[in-house]
Amino acid sequence: MIEARHLRVLRAVAATGSFSAAARELGCTQPAVSQQMKALEQSAGTALLVRTGRETRLTQAGEALVRHAAGILAGLTAAEEEVAAIAGLRAGRVRLVSFPSGTSALVPAALARMRADHPGIQVSLVEAEPPRSVEMLRAGDCEIALAFRYPRPGVRGPGAGTAERTSGEPEADGEWEGLVAHPLLRDRLVGLVPEDRPLGPDGRVAVADLAEEPWIAGCPRCRRHLVEVCESAGFTPRIDFATDDHPAVIGLVAAGLGVAVLPELALESVRPKGVRKLRLEPVVEREIVALTLPDLAHVPAVAAMLDRLAVAARR
């Protein structure tokens, strides 16, 4: 195998005309130059140099190798510099996928901090709800996917078991199997009713107390979980409207068209006018995590972005 260090020595010999001069230029000994040239000729399978007295000249094969060595070494130098820049967070990219409420409440602060700390890192963002975001991560369309999941009805929220999990520990449950899950926060669901609705005078409402109400549901995953929670409380909700748009959910509730539950994170960036927020009982929380692939977790730019997301979540 032809090695880059051997090509550098060959170029020095070709430029200086002798082993001793090449050794002085490279800062090594003449025997070291001779050994490396022998190793290069063995790899090439033919003579590359001809020594006549004090003069050293290239064979035809040697001339061909020197001619190509310039481009090879230049490309290798450029590659080394690019890798060093990526490792030193002076360059690189991170493609982030997030669900809408994560985009509005968590991502902006994390992106701003990332840009301030590492302006050479290019970060892109697209929106997708899980499980689509998880599929994109597995397909190589992003490096980090913000995702969430709900507990099974009657089971304590997933955050109870995962909050103590060491960041970076592989998640081994179903959809996240084989991925690295970095826990960010546990997001509590709140009940939303029209402002004039006489429910929950103490700021609380049981899911069962809403059994006769029409419902406004959210994304498919949230809608499925709503049905499960209601069925665990003894009824099947009558869902009149469904929309992924959180301000639309609030508007429909405010207009007296039904009740809803939304994660607190979804209410961070909207003003819930015309509705009352009630503490939902039993308490239901969704777990929000940043997912990545095991090999990507060690890429400096990805690790830096995960750190900024964690800081944004704590705040």
C-alpha atoms as a PDB file:
ATOM      1  CA  MET A   1       0.000   0.000   0.000  1.00  0.00           C
ATOM      2  CA  ILE A   2       1.357   3.422  -0.936  1.00  0.00           C
ATOM      3  CA  GLU A   3       1.422   5.710   2.098  1.00  0.00           C
ATOM      4  CA  ALA A   4       1.260   9.485   2.132  1.00  0.00           C
ATOM      5  CA  ARG A   5       4.470   9.777   4.164  1.00  0.00           C
ATOM      6  CA  HIS A   6       6.340   7.849   1.484  1.00  0.00           C
ATOM      7  CA  LEU A   7       4.996  10.167  -1.213  1.00  0.00           C
ATOM      8  CA  ARG A   8       6.220  13.196   0.741  1.00  0.00           C
ATOM      9  CA  VAL A   9       9.706  11.708   0.913  1.00  0.00           C
ATOM     10  CA  LEU A  10       9.673  10.864  -2.799  1.00  0.00           C
ATOM     11  CA  ARG A  11       8.745  14.443  -3.669  1.00  0.00           C
ATOM     12  CA  ALA A  12      11.556  15.757  -1.492  1.00  0.00           C
ATOM     13  CA  VAL A  13      14.091  13.443  -3.165  1.00  0.00           C
ATOM     14  CA  ALA A  14      12.844  14.472  -6.606  1.00  0.00           C
ATOM     15  CA  ALA A  15      13.043  18.161  -5.708  1.00  0.00           C
ATOM     16  CA  THR A  16      16.489  18.086  -4.044  1.00  0.00           C
ATOM     17  CA  GLY A  17      18.173  15.410  -6.159  1.00  0.00           C
ATOM     18  CA  SER A  18      19.627  13.363  -3.315  1.00  0.00           C
ATOM     19  CA  PHE A  19      18.739  11.392  -0.189  1.00  0.00           C
ATOM     20  CA  SER A  20      20.929  13.559   2.022  1.00  0.00           C
ATOM     21  CA  ALA A  21      19.389  16.816   0.814  1.00  0.00           C
ATOM     22  CA  ALA A  22      15.908  15.367   1.162  1.00  0.00           C
ATOM     23  CA  ALA A  23      16.755  14.293   4.717  1.00  0.00           C
ATOM     24  CA  ARG A  24      17.859  17.839   5.596  1.00  0.00           C
ATOM     25  CA  GLU A  25      14.656  19.285   4.117  1.00  0.00           C
ATOM     26  CA  LEU A  26      12.434  16.808   5.959  1.00  0.00           C
ATOM     27  CA  GLY A  27      14.351  17.006   9.238  1.00  0.00           C
ATOM     28  CA  CYS A  28      15.242  13.317   9.391  1.00  0.00           C
ATOM     29  CA  THR A  29      18.245  11.092   8.739  1.00  0.00           C
ATOM     30  CA  GLN A  30      19.498   9.831   5.398  1.00  0.00           C
ATOM     31  CA  PRO A  31      18.988   6.167   6.401  1.00  0.00           C
ATOM     32  CA  ALA A  32      15.371   6.964   7.229  1.00  0.00           C
ATOM     33  CA  VAL A  33      14.890   8.426   3.741  1.00  0.00           C
ATOM     34  CA  SER A  34      16.510   5.362   2.193  1.00  0.00           C
ATOM     35  CA  GLN A  35      14.279   3.000   4.182  1.00  0.00           C
ATOM     36  CA  GLN A  36      11.117   4.823   3.195  1.00  0.00           C
ATOM     37  CA  MET A  37      12.107   4.797  -0.480  1.00  0.00           C
ATOM     38  CA  LYS A  38      12.710   1.043  -0.318  1.00  0.00           C
ATOM     39  CA  ALA A  39       9.287   0.580   1.270  1.00  0.00           C
ATOM     40  CA  LEU A  40       7.671   2.725  -1.431  1.00  0.00           C
ATOM     41  CA  GLU A  41       9.338   0.787  -4.243  1.00  0.00           C
ATOM     42  CA  GLN A  42       8.161  -2.471  -2.668  1.00  0.00           C
ATOM     43  CA  SER A  43       4.605  -1.138  -2.549  1.00  0.00           C
ATOM     44  CA  ALA A  44       4.809   0.118  -6.142  1.00  0.00           C
ATOM     45  CA  GLY A  45       6.361  -3.135  -7.361  1.00  0.00           C
ATOM     46  CA  THR A  46       8.971  -1.363  -9.482  1.00  0.00           C
ATOM     47  CA  ALA A  47      12.018   0.888  -9.220  1.00  0.00           C
ATOM     48  CA  LEU A  48      11.261   4.563  -8.748  1.00  0.00           C
ATOM     49  CA  LEU A  49      14.775   5.975  -8.398  1.00  0.00           C
ATOM     50  CA  VAL A  50      18.117   5.454 -10.084  1.00  0.00           C
ATOM     51  CA  ARG A  51      21.289   6.445  -8.198  1.00  0.00           C
ATOM     52  CA  THR A  52      24.353   7.276 -10.301  1.00  0.00           C
ATOM     53  CA  GLY A  53      27.204   8.413  -8.106  1.00  0.00           C
ATOM     54  CA  ARG A  54      25.941  11.358  -6.069  1.00  0.00           C
ATOM     55  CA  GLU A  55      23.013  11.976  -8.373  1.00  0.00           C
ATOM     56  CA  THR A  56      19.554  10.507  -7.899  1.00  0.00           C
ATOM     57  CA  ARG A  57      17.034  10.626 -10.699  1.00  0.00           C
ATOM     58  CA  LEU A  58      13.511   9.339 -11.218  1.00  0.00           C
ATOM     59  CA  THR A  59      12.539   6.401 -13.361  1.00  0.00           C
ATOM     60  CA  GLN A  60       9.521   6.700 -15.617  1.00  0.00           C
ATOM     61  CA  ALA A  61       7.412   5.122 -12.879  1.00  0.00           C
ATOM     62  CA  GLY A  62       8.890   7.524 -10.351  1.00  0.00           C
ATOM     63  CA  GLU A  63       8.029  10.514 -12.545  1.00  0.00           C
ATOM     64  CA  ALA A  64       4.451   9.285 -12.864  1.00  0.00           C
ATOM     65  CA  LEU A  65       4.119   8.835  -9.105  1.00  0.00           C
ATOM     66  CA  VAL A  66       5.571  12.267  -8.344  1.00  0.00           C
ATOM     67  CA  ARG A  67       3.191  13.823 -10.869  1.00  0.00           C
ATOM     68  CA  HIS A  68       0.181  12.279  -9.100  1.00  0.00           C
ATOM     69  CA  ALA A  69       1.622  12.809  -5.617  1.00  0.00           C
ATOM     70  CA  ALA A  70       1.025  16.565  -5.763  1.00  0.00           C
ATOM     71  CA  GLY A  71      -2.733  16.157  -6.166  1.00  0.00           C
ATOM     72  CA  ILE A  72      -2.919  13.293  -3.679  1.00  0.00           C
ATOM     73  CA  LEU A  73      -1.052  15.179  -0.958  1.00  0.00           C
ATOM     74  CA  ALA A  74      -2.954  18.397  -1.623  1.00  0.00           C
ATOM     75  CA  GLY A  75      -6.253  16.537  -1.313  1.00  0.00           C
ATOM     76  CA  LEU A  76      -5.095  14.809   1.858  1.00  0.00           C
ATOM     77  CA  THR A  77      -4.009  18.120   3.373  1.00  0.00           C
ATOM     78  CA  ALA A  78      -7.371  19.665   2.537  1.00  0.00           C
ATOM     79  CA  ALA A  79      -9.150  16.652   4.051  1.00  0.00           C
ATOM     80  CA  GLU A  80      -7.053  16.856   7.224  1.00  0.00           C
ATOM     81  CA  GLU A  81      -7.804  20.563   7.567  1.00  0.00           C
ATOM     82  CA  GLU A  82     -11.537  19.998   7.032  1.00  0.00           C
ATOM     83  CA  VAL A  83     -11.664  17.153   9.556  1.00  0.00           C
ATOM     84  CA  ALA A  84      -9.713  19.268  12.061  1.00  0.00           C
ATOM     85  CA  ALA A  85     -12.179  22.118  11.554  1.00  0.00           C
ATOM     86  CA  ILE A  86     -15.134  19.782  12.137  1.00  0.00           C
ATOM     87  CA  ALA A  87     -13.511  18.237  15.199  1.00  0.00           C
ATOM     88  CA  GLY A  88     -12.741  21.712  16.524  1.00  0.00           C
ATOM     89  CA  LEU A  89     -16.326  22.919  15.876  1.00  0.00           C
ATOM     90  CA  ARG A  90     -15.108  25.493  13.361  1.00  0.00           C
ATOM     91  CA  ALA A  91     -17.108  23.769  10.631  1.00  0.00           C
ATOM     92  CA  GLY A  92     -19.733  21.095  10.211  1.00  0.00           C
ATOM     93  CA  ARG A  93     -23.485  20.738   9.976  1.00  0.00           C
ATOM     94  CA  VAL A  94     -26.388  19.490  12.042  1.00  0.00           C
ATOM     95  CA  ARG A  95     -29.792  18.727  10.516  1.00  0.00           C
ATOM     96  CA  LEU A  96     -32.528  18.957  13.122  1.00  0.00           C
ATOM     97  CA  VAL A  97     -36.105  17.695  12.884  1.00  0.00           C
ATOM     98  CA  SER A  98     -38.637  18.840  15.466  1.00  0.00           C
ATOM     99  CA  PHE A  99     -42.358  18.654  16.143  1.00  0.00           C
ATOM    100  CA  PRO A 100     -44.183  22.044  16.100  1.00  0.00           C
ATOM    101  CA  SER A 101     -44.415  22.801  19.835  1.00  0.00           C
ATOM    102  CA  GLY A 102     -40.763  21.836  20.250  1.00  0.00           C
ATOM    103  CA  THR A 103     -39.901  24.125  17.349  1.00  0.00           C
ATOM    104  CA  SER A 104     -41.603  27.101  18.948  1.00  0.00           C
ATOM    105  CA  ALA A 105     -40.644  26.570  22.592  1.00  0.00           C
ATOM    106  CA  LEU A 106     -37.301  24.727  22.708  1.00  0.00           C
ATOM    107  CA  VAL A 107     -35.485  25.063  19.415  1.00  0.00           C
ATOM    108  CA  PRO A 108     -35.109  28.875  19.027  1.00  0.00           C
ATOM    109  CA  ALA A 109     -33.071  29.345  22.216  1.00  0.00           C
ATOM    110  CA  ALA A 110     -30.940  26.293  21.437  1.00  0.00           C
ATOM    111  CA  LEU A 111     -30.229  27.482  17.886  1.00  0.00           C
ATOM    112  CA  ALA A 112     -29.376  30.988  19.038  1.00  0.00           C
ATOM    113  CA  ARG A 113     -26.912  29.653  21.610  1.00  0.00           C
ATOM    114  CA  MET A 114     -25.380  27.281  19.057  1.00  0.00           C
ATOM    115  CA  ARG A 115     -24.887  30.050  16.521  1.00  0.00           C
ATOM    116  CA  ALA A 116     -23.339  32.330  19.136  1.00  0.00           C
ATOM    117  CA  ASP A 117     -20.952  29.652  20.419  1.00  0.00           C
ATOM    118  CA  HIS A 118     -20.084  27.990  17.101  1.00  0.00           C
ATOM    119  CA  PRO A 119     -20.874  30.271  14.142  1.00  0.00           C
ATOM    120  CA  GLY A 120     -19.099  27.918  11.741  1.00  0.00           C
ATOM    121  CA  ILE A 121     -21.616  25.132  12.312  1.00  0.00           C
ATOM    122  CA  GLN A 122     -24.531  25.091   9.872  1.00  0.00           C
ATOM    123  CA  VAL A 123     -27.778  24.018  11.494  1.00  0.00           C
ATOM    124  CA  SER A 124     -30.910  23.354   9.450  1.00  0.00           C
ATOM    125  CA  LEU A 125     -34.421  22.708  10.731  1.00  0.00           C
ATOM    126  CA  VAL A 126     -37.499  21.006   9.337  1.00  0.00           C
ATOM    127  CA  GLU A 127     -40.722  20.031  11.097  1.00  0.00           C
ATOM    128  CA  ALA A 128     -42.133  16.542  11.415  1.00  0.00           C
ATOM    129  CA  GLU A 129     -44.173  14.780  14.059  1.00  0.00           C
ATOM    130  CA  PRO A 130     -43.061  11.409  15.387  1.00  0.00           C
ATOM    131  CA  PRO A 131     -42.963   8.713  14.155  1.00  0.00           C
ATOM    132  CA  ARG A 132     -42.053  10.459  10.880  1.00  0.00           C
ATOM    133  CA  SER A 133     -39.173  12.335  12.548  1.00  0.00           C
ATOM    134  CA  VAL A 134     -37.769   9.050  13.879  1.00  0.00           C
ATOM    135  CA  GLU A 135     -38.008   7.500  10.416  1.00  0.00           C
ATOM    136  CA  MET A 136     -36.071  10.462   8.994  1.00  0.00           C
ATOM    137  CA  LEU A 137     -33.316   9.947  11.568  1.00  0.00           C
ATOM    138  CA  ARG A 138     -32.994   6.260  10.737  1.00  0.00           C
ATOM    139  CA  ALA A 139     -32.983   7.052   7.002  1.00  0.00           C
ATOM    140  CA  GLY A 140     -30.069   9.480   7.380  1.00  0.00           C
ATOM    141  CA  ASP A 141     -32.114  12.598   6.618  1.00  0.00           C
ATOM    142  CA  CYS A 142     -31.141  14.305   9.887  1.00  0.00           C
ATOM    143  CA  GLU A 143     -28.685  14.003  12.766  1.00  0.00           C
ATOM    144  CA  ILE A 144     -31.086  14.864  15.618  1.00  0.00           C
ATOM    145  CA  ALA A 145     -34.815  14.276  15.940  1.00  0.00           C
ATOM    146  CA  LEU A 146     -36.895  15.876  18.683  1.00  0.00           C
ATOM    147  CA  ALA A 147     -39.594  13.380  19.566  1.00  0.00           C
ATOM    148  CA  PHE A 148     -42.148  12.643  22.247  1.00  0.00           C
ATOM    149  CA  ARG A 149     -44.216   9.754  23.481  1.00  0.00           C
ATOM    150  CA  TYR A 150     -47.061   9.269  25.906  1.00  0.00           C
ATOM    151  CA  PRO A 151     -47.336   6.666  28.659  1.00  0.00           C
ATOM    152  CA  ARG A 152     -49.819   3.864  28.416  1.00  0.00           C
ATOM    153  CA  PRO A 153     -53.004   4.684  30.338  1.00  0.00           C
ATOM    154  CA  GLY A 154     -52.781   3.468  33.910  1.00  0.00           C
ATOM    155  CA  VAL A 155     -48.974   3.432  33.788  1.00  0.00           C
ATOM    156  CA  ARG A 156     -46.898   6.115  35.410  1.00  0.00           C
ATOM    157  CA  GLY A 157     -45.482   8.532  32.815  1.00  0.00           C
ATOM    158  CA  PRO A 158     -42.385   7.459  30.911  1.00  0.00           C
ATOM    159  CA  GLY A 159     -40.442  10.308  32.446  1.00  0.00           C
ATOM    160  CA  ALA A 160     -40.591   8.552  35.799  1.00  0.00           C
ATOM    161  CA  GLY A 161     -38.331   5.840  34.509  1.00  0.00           C
ATOM    162  CA  THR A 162     -36.208   7.763  32.065  1.00  0.00           C
ATOM    163  CA  ALA A 163     -35.429  11.009  33.856  1.00  0.00           C
ATOM    164  CA  GLU A 164     -32.736   9.197  35.824  1.00  0.00           C
ATOM    165  CA  ARG A 165     -31.380   7.494  32.714  1.00  0.00           C
ATOM    166  CA  THR A 166     -27.859   8.574  31.908  1.00  0.00           C
ATOM    167  CA  SER A 167     -27.866  10.893  28.913  1.00  0.00           C
ATOM    168  CA  GLY A 168     -26.782   8.929  25.897  1.00  0.00           C
ATOM    169  CA  GLU A 169     -28.015   5.555  27.091  1.00  0.00           C
ATOM    170  CA  PRO A 170     -29.626   3.623  24.214  1.00  0.00           C
ATOM    171  CA  GLU A 171     -33.403   3.502  24.400  1.00  0.00           C
ATOM    172  CA  ALA A 172     -34.565  -0.094  23.978  1.00  0.00           C
ATOM    173  CA  ASP A 173     -38.309   0.298  23.680  1.00  0.00           C
ATOM    174  CA  GLY A 174     -40.067  -0.160  20.354  1.00  0.00           C
ATOM    175  CA  GLU A 175     -39.957   2.909  18.175  1.00  0.00           C
ATOM    176  CA  TRP A 176     -36.744   4.235  19.724  1.00  0.00           C
ATOM    177  CA  GLU A 177     -34.926   0.901  19.792  1.00  0.00           C
ATOM    178  CA  GLY A 178     -31.271   1.195  18.824  1.00  0.00           C
ATOM    179  CA  LEU A 179     -31.271   4.998  19.123  1.00  0.00           C
ATOM    180  CA  VAL A 180     -29.649   7.208  21.725  1.00  0.00           C
ATOM    181  CA  ALA A 181     -32.291   9.110  23.697  1.00  0.00           C
ATOM    182  CA  HIS A 182     -31.289  12.297  25.515  1.00  0.00           C
ATOM    183  CA  PRO A 183     -34.137  13.152  27.946  1.00  0.00           C
ATOM    184  CA  LEU A 184     -35.066  16.839  27.792  1.00  0.00           C
ATOM    185  CA  LEU A 185     -38.222  17.304  29.864  1.00  0.00           C
ATOM    186  CA  ARG A 186     -41.584  15.922  30.944  1.00  0.00           C
ATOM    187  CA  ASP A 187     -44.418  17.936  29.484  1.00  0.00           C
ATOM    188  CA  ARG A 188     -47.695  17.913  31.411  1.00  0.00           C
ATOM    189  CA  LEU A 189     -51.048  17.942  29.645  1.00  0.00           C
ATOM    190  CA  VAL A 190     -53.597  20.560  30.700  1.00  0.00           C
ATOM    191  CA  GLY A 191     -57.332  20.675  30.135  1.00  0.00           C
ATOM    192  CA  LEU A 192     -58.829  23.516  28.109  1.00  0.00           C
ATOM    193  CA  VAL A 193     -62.476  24.538  28.442  1.00  0.00           C
ATOM    194  CA  PRO A 194     -64.378  27.640  27.333  1.00  0.00           C
ATOM    195  CA  GLU A 195     -63.862  30.563  29.671  1.00  0.00           C
ATOM    196  CA  ASP A 196     -67.522  30.625  30.765  1.00  0.00           C
ATOM    197  CA  ARG A 197     -67.816  26.860  31.324  1.00  0.00           C
ATOM    198  CA  PRO A 198     -68.577  26.036  34.996  1.00  0.00           C
ATOM    199  CA  LEU A 199     -66.008  23.267  35.329  1.00  0.00           C
ATOM    200  CA  GLY A 200     -63.102  22.847  37.694  1.00  0.00           C
ATOM    201  CA  PRO A 201     -63.681  25.675  40.185  1.00  0.00           C
ATOM    202  CA  ASP A 202     -60.499  24.712  42.019  1.00  0.00           C
ATOM    203  CA  GLY A 203     -58.459  24.776  38.825  1.00  0.00           C
ATOM    204  CA  ARG A 204     -58.673  21.009  38.411  1.00  0.00           C
ATOM    205  CA  VAL A 205     -60.763  18.751  36.244  1.00  0.00           C
ATOM    206  CA  ALA A 206     -61.037  14.985  36.095  1.00  0.00           C
ATOM    207  CA  VAL A 207     -61.022  13.443  32.646  1.00  0.00           C
ATOM    208  CA  ALA A 208     -64.209  11.565  33.532  1.00  0.00           C
ATOM    209  CA  ASP A 209     -66.010  14.872  34.209  1.00  0.00           C
ATOM    210  CA  LEU A 210     -65.606  15.721  30.515  1.00  0.00           C
ATOM    211  CA  ALA A 211     -67.258  12.537  29.261  1.00  0.00           C
ATOM    212  CA  GLU A 212     -70.295  14.334  27.828  1.00  0.00           C
ATOM    213  CA  GLU A 213     -68.331  17.129  26.171  1.00  0.00           C
ATOM    214  CA  PRO A 214     -67.473  17.332  22.462  1.00  0.00           C
ATOM    215  CA  TRP A 215     -63.702  17.203  21.938  1.00  0.00           C
ATOM    216  CA  ILE A 216     -61.139  18.956  19.781  1.00  0.00           C
ATOM    217  CA  ALA A 217     -58.182  16.640  19.157  1.00  0.00           C
ATOM    218  CA  GLY A 218     -54.643  17.263  17.938  1.00  0.00           C
ATOM    219  CA  CYS A 219     -52.079  15.334  15.901  1.00  0.00           C
ATOM    220  CA  PRO A 220     -52.676  11.620  15.188  1.00  0.00           C
ATOM    221  CA  ARG A 221     -50.428  10.477  18.037  1.00  0.00           C
ATOM    222  CA  CYS A 222     -52.029  12.940  20.469  1.00  0.00           C
ATOM    223  CA  ARG A 223     -55.490  11.951  19.246  1.00  0.00           C
ATOM    224  CA  ARG A 224     -54.783   8.269  19.779  1.00  0.00           C
ATOM    225  CA  HIS A 225     -53.511   8.951  23.266  1.00  0.00           C
ATOM    226  CA  LEU A 226     -56.570  11.097  24.072  1.00  0.00           C
ATOM    227  CA  VAL A 227     -58.849   8.197  23.169  1.00  0.00           C
ATOM    228  CA  GLU A 228     -56.810   5.833  25.338  1.00  0.00           C
ATOM    229  CA  VAL A 229     -56.908   8.190  28.331  1.00  0.00           C
ATOM    230  CA  CYS A 230     -60.653   8.725  27.992  1.00  0.00           C
ATOM    231  CA  GLU A 231     -61.342   5.013  27.585  1.00  0.00           C
ATOM    232  CA  SER A 232     -59.306   4.295  30.698  1.00  0.00           C
ATOM    233  CA  ALA A 233     -61.640   6.779  32.468  1.00  0.00           C
ATOM    234  CA  GLY A 234     -64.665   4.829  31.260  1.00  0.00           C
ATOM    235  CA  PHE A 235     -65.846   6.613  28.114  1.00  0.00           C
ATOM    236  CA  THR A 236     -65.055   7.108  24.444  1.00  0.00           C
ATOM    237  CA  PRO A 237     -64.652  10.781  23.540  1.00  0.00           C
ATOM    238  CA  ARG A 238     -66.800  12.314  20.845  1.00  0.00           C
ATOM    239  CA  ILE A 239     -64.227  14.054  18.679  1.00  0.00           C
ATOM    240  CA  ASP A 240     -65.925  16.713  16.580  1.00  0.00           C
ATOM    241  CA  PHE A 241     -62.820  18.474  15.303  1.00  0.00           C
ATOM    242  CA  ALA A 242     -59.181  17.528  14.802  1.00  0.00           C
ATOM    243  CA  THR A 243     -56.327  19.867  13.936  1.00  0.00           C
ATOM    244  CA  ASP A 244     -52.548  19.888  14.361  1.00  0.00           C
ATOM    245  CA  ASP A 245     -52.614  23.683  14.794  1.00  0.00           C
ATOM    246  CA  HIS A 246     -52.549  24.599  18.472  1.00  0.00           C
ATOM    247  CA  PRO A 247     -53.915  28.150  18.071  1.00  0.00           C
ATOM    248  CA  ALA A 248     -56.781  26.592  16.106  1.00  0.00           C
ATOM    249  CA  VAL A 249     -57.494  24.207  18.985  1.00  0.00           C
ATOM    250  CA  ILE A 250     -57.611  27.138  21.381  1.00  0.00           C
ATOM    251  CA  GLY A 251     -59.848  29.110  19.028  1.00  0.00           C
ATOM    252  CA  LEU A 252     -62.308  26.246  18.721  1.00  0.00           C
ATOM    253  CA  VAL A 253     -62.450  25.803  22.500  1.00  0.00           C
ATOM    254  CA  ALA A 254     -62.860  29.553  23.021  1.00  0.00           C
ATOM    255  CA  ALA A 255     -65.779  29.527  20.573  1.00  0.00           C
ATOM    256  CA  GLY A 256     -67.551  26.982  22.782  1.00  0.00           C
ATOM    257  CA  LEU A 257     -67.245  24.151  20.277  1.00  0.00           C
ATOM    258  CA  GLY A 258     -65.695  21.663  22.648  1.00  0.00           C
ATOM    259  CA  VAL A 259     -62.963  20.901  25.181  1.00  0.00           C
ATOM    260  CA  ALA A 260     -59.388  19.802  24.616  1.00  0.00           C
ATOM    261  CA  VAL A 261     -56.152  18.818  26.251  1.00  0.00           C
ATOM    262  CA  LEU A 262     -52.850  20.290  25.150  1.00  0.00           C
ATOM    263  CA  PRO A 263     -49.277  19.919  26.397  1.00  0.00           C
ATOM    264  CA  GLU A 264     -48.014  22.882  28.411  1.00  0.00           C
ATOM    265  CA  LEU A 265     -45.179  23.264  25.907  1.00  0.00           C
ATOM    266  CA  ALA A 266     -47.739  23.917  23.166  1.00  0.00           C
ATOM    267  CA  LEU A 267     -49.113  26.856  25.168  1.00  0.00           C
ATOM    268  CA  GLU A 268     -45.706  28.502  25.621  1.00  0.00           C
ATOM    269  CA  SER A 269     -45.880  30.480  22.387  1.00  0.00           C
ATOM    270  CA  VAL A 270     -49.617  31.211  22.174  1.00  0.00           C
ATOM    271  CA  ARG A 271     -52.012  33.358  24.183  1.00  0.00           C
ATOM    272  CA  PRO A 272     -54.914  31.154  25.216  1.00  0.00           C
ATOM    273  CA  LYS A 273     -57.642  33.834  25.048  1.00  0.00           C
ATOM    274  CA  GLY A 274     -61.193  32.835  25.849  1.00  0.00           C
ATOM    275  CA  VAL A 275     -60.284  29.538  27.510  1.00  0.00           C
ATOM    276  CA  ARG A 276     -59.613  28.290  31.007  1.00  0.00           C
ATOM    277  CA  LYS A 277     -56.602  26.100  31.705  1.00  0.00           C
ATOM    278  CA  LEU A 278     -57.333  23.340  34.201  1.00  0.00           C
ATOM    279  CA  ARG A 279     -55.069  20.861  35.907  1.00  0.00           C
ATOM    280  CA  LEU A 280     -55.923  17.481  34.448  1.00  0.00           C
ATOM    281  CA  GLU A 281     -56.502  14.518  36.723  1.00  0.00           C
ATOM    282  CA  PRO A 282     -55.094  11.978  36.644  1.00  0.00           C
ATOM    283  CA  VAL A 283     -51.834  13.728  35.747  1.00  0.00           C
ATOM    284  CA  VAL A 284     -50.633  12.846  32.261  1.00  0.00           C
ATOM    285  CA  GLU A 285     -47.178  13.753  30.978  1.00  0.00           C
ATOM    286  CA  ARG A 286     -45.419  13.131  27.709  1.00  0.00           C
ATOM    287  CA  GLU A 287     -41.699  12.512  27.555  1.00  0.00           C
ATOM    288  CA  ILE A 288     -39.709  14.767  25.238  1.00  0.00           C
ATOM    289  CA  VAL A 289     -36.291  13.620  24.090  1.00  0.00           C
ATOM    290  CA  ALA A 290     -33.632  14.394  21.523  1.00  0.00           C
ATOM    291  CA  LEU A 291     -32.839  11.269  19.516  1.00  0.00           C
ATOM    292  CA  THR A 292     -29.745  10.479  17.510  1.00  0.00           C
ATOM    293  CA  LEU A 293     -27.885   7.438  16.234  1.00  0.00           C
ATOM    294  CA  PRO A 294     -25.162   5.900  18.443  1.00  0.00           C
ATOM    295  CA  ASP A 295     -22.327   6.796  16.041  1.00  0.00           C
ATOM    296  CA  LEU A 296     -23.615  10.351  15.569  1.00  0.00           C
ATOM    297  CA  ALA A 297     -23.705  10.980  19.317  1.00  0.00           C
ATOM    298  CA  HIS A 298     -19.902  11.304  19.264  1.00  0.00           C
ATOM    299  CA  VAL A 299     -19.748  13.824  16.409  1.00  0.00           C
ATOM    300  CA  PRO A 300     -18.693  17.150  17.993  1.00  0.00           C
ATOM    301  CA  ALA A 301     -21.316  19.323  16.261  1.00  0.00           C
ATOM    302  CA  VAL A 302     -24.120  16.884  17.137  1.00  0.00           C
ATOM    303  CA  ALA A 303     -22.979  16.655  20.757  1.00  0.00           C
ATOM    304  CA  ALA A 304     -22.828  20.459  20.968  1.00  0.00           C
ATOM    305  CA  MET A 305     -26.377  20.810  19.591  1.00  0.00           C
ATOM    306  CA  LEU A 306     -27.667  18.197  22.055  1.00  0.00           C
ATOM    307  CA  ASP A 307     -26.100  20.182  24.910  1.00  0.00           C
ATOM    308  CA  ARG A 308     -27.815  23.392  23.765  1.00  0.00           C
ATOM    309  CA  LEU A 309     -31.180  21.620  23.539  1.00  0.00           C
ATOM    310  CA  ALA A 310     -30.728  20.317  27.087  1.00  0.00           C
ATOM    311  CA  VAL A 311     -29.957  23.828  28.355  1.00  0.00           C
ATOM    312  CA  ALA A 312     -33.012  25.239  26.575  1.00  0.00           C
ATOM    313  CA  ALA A 313     -35.181  22.542  28.150  1.00  0.00           C
ATOM    314  CA  ARG A 314     -33.888  23.311  31.659  1.00  0.00           C
ATOM    315  CA  ARG A 315     -34.713  26.972  31.197  1.00  0.00           C
END
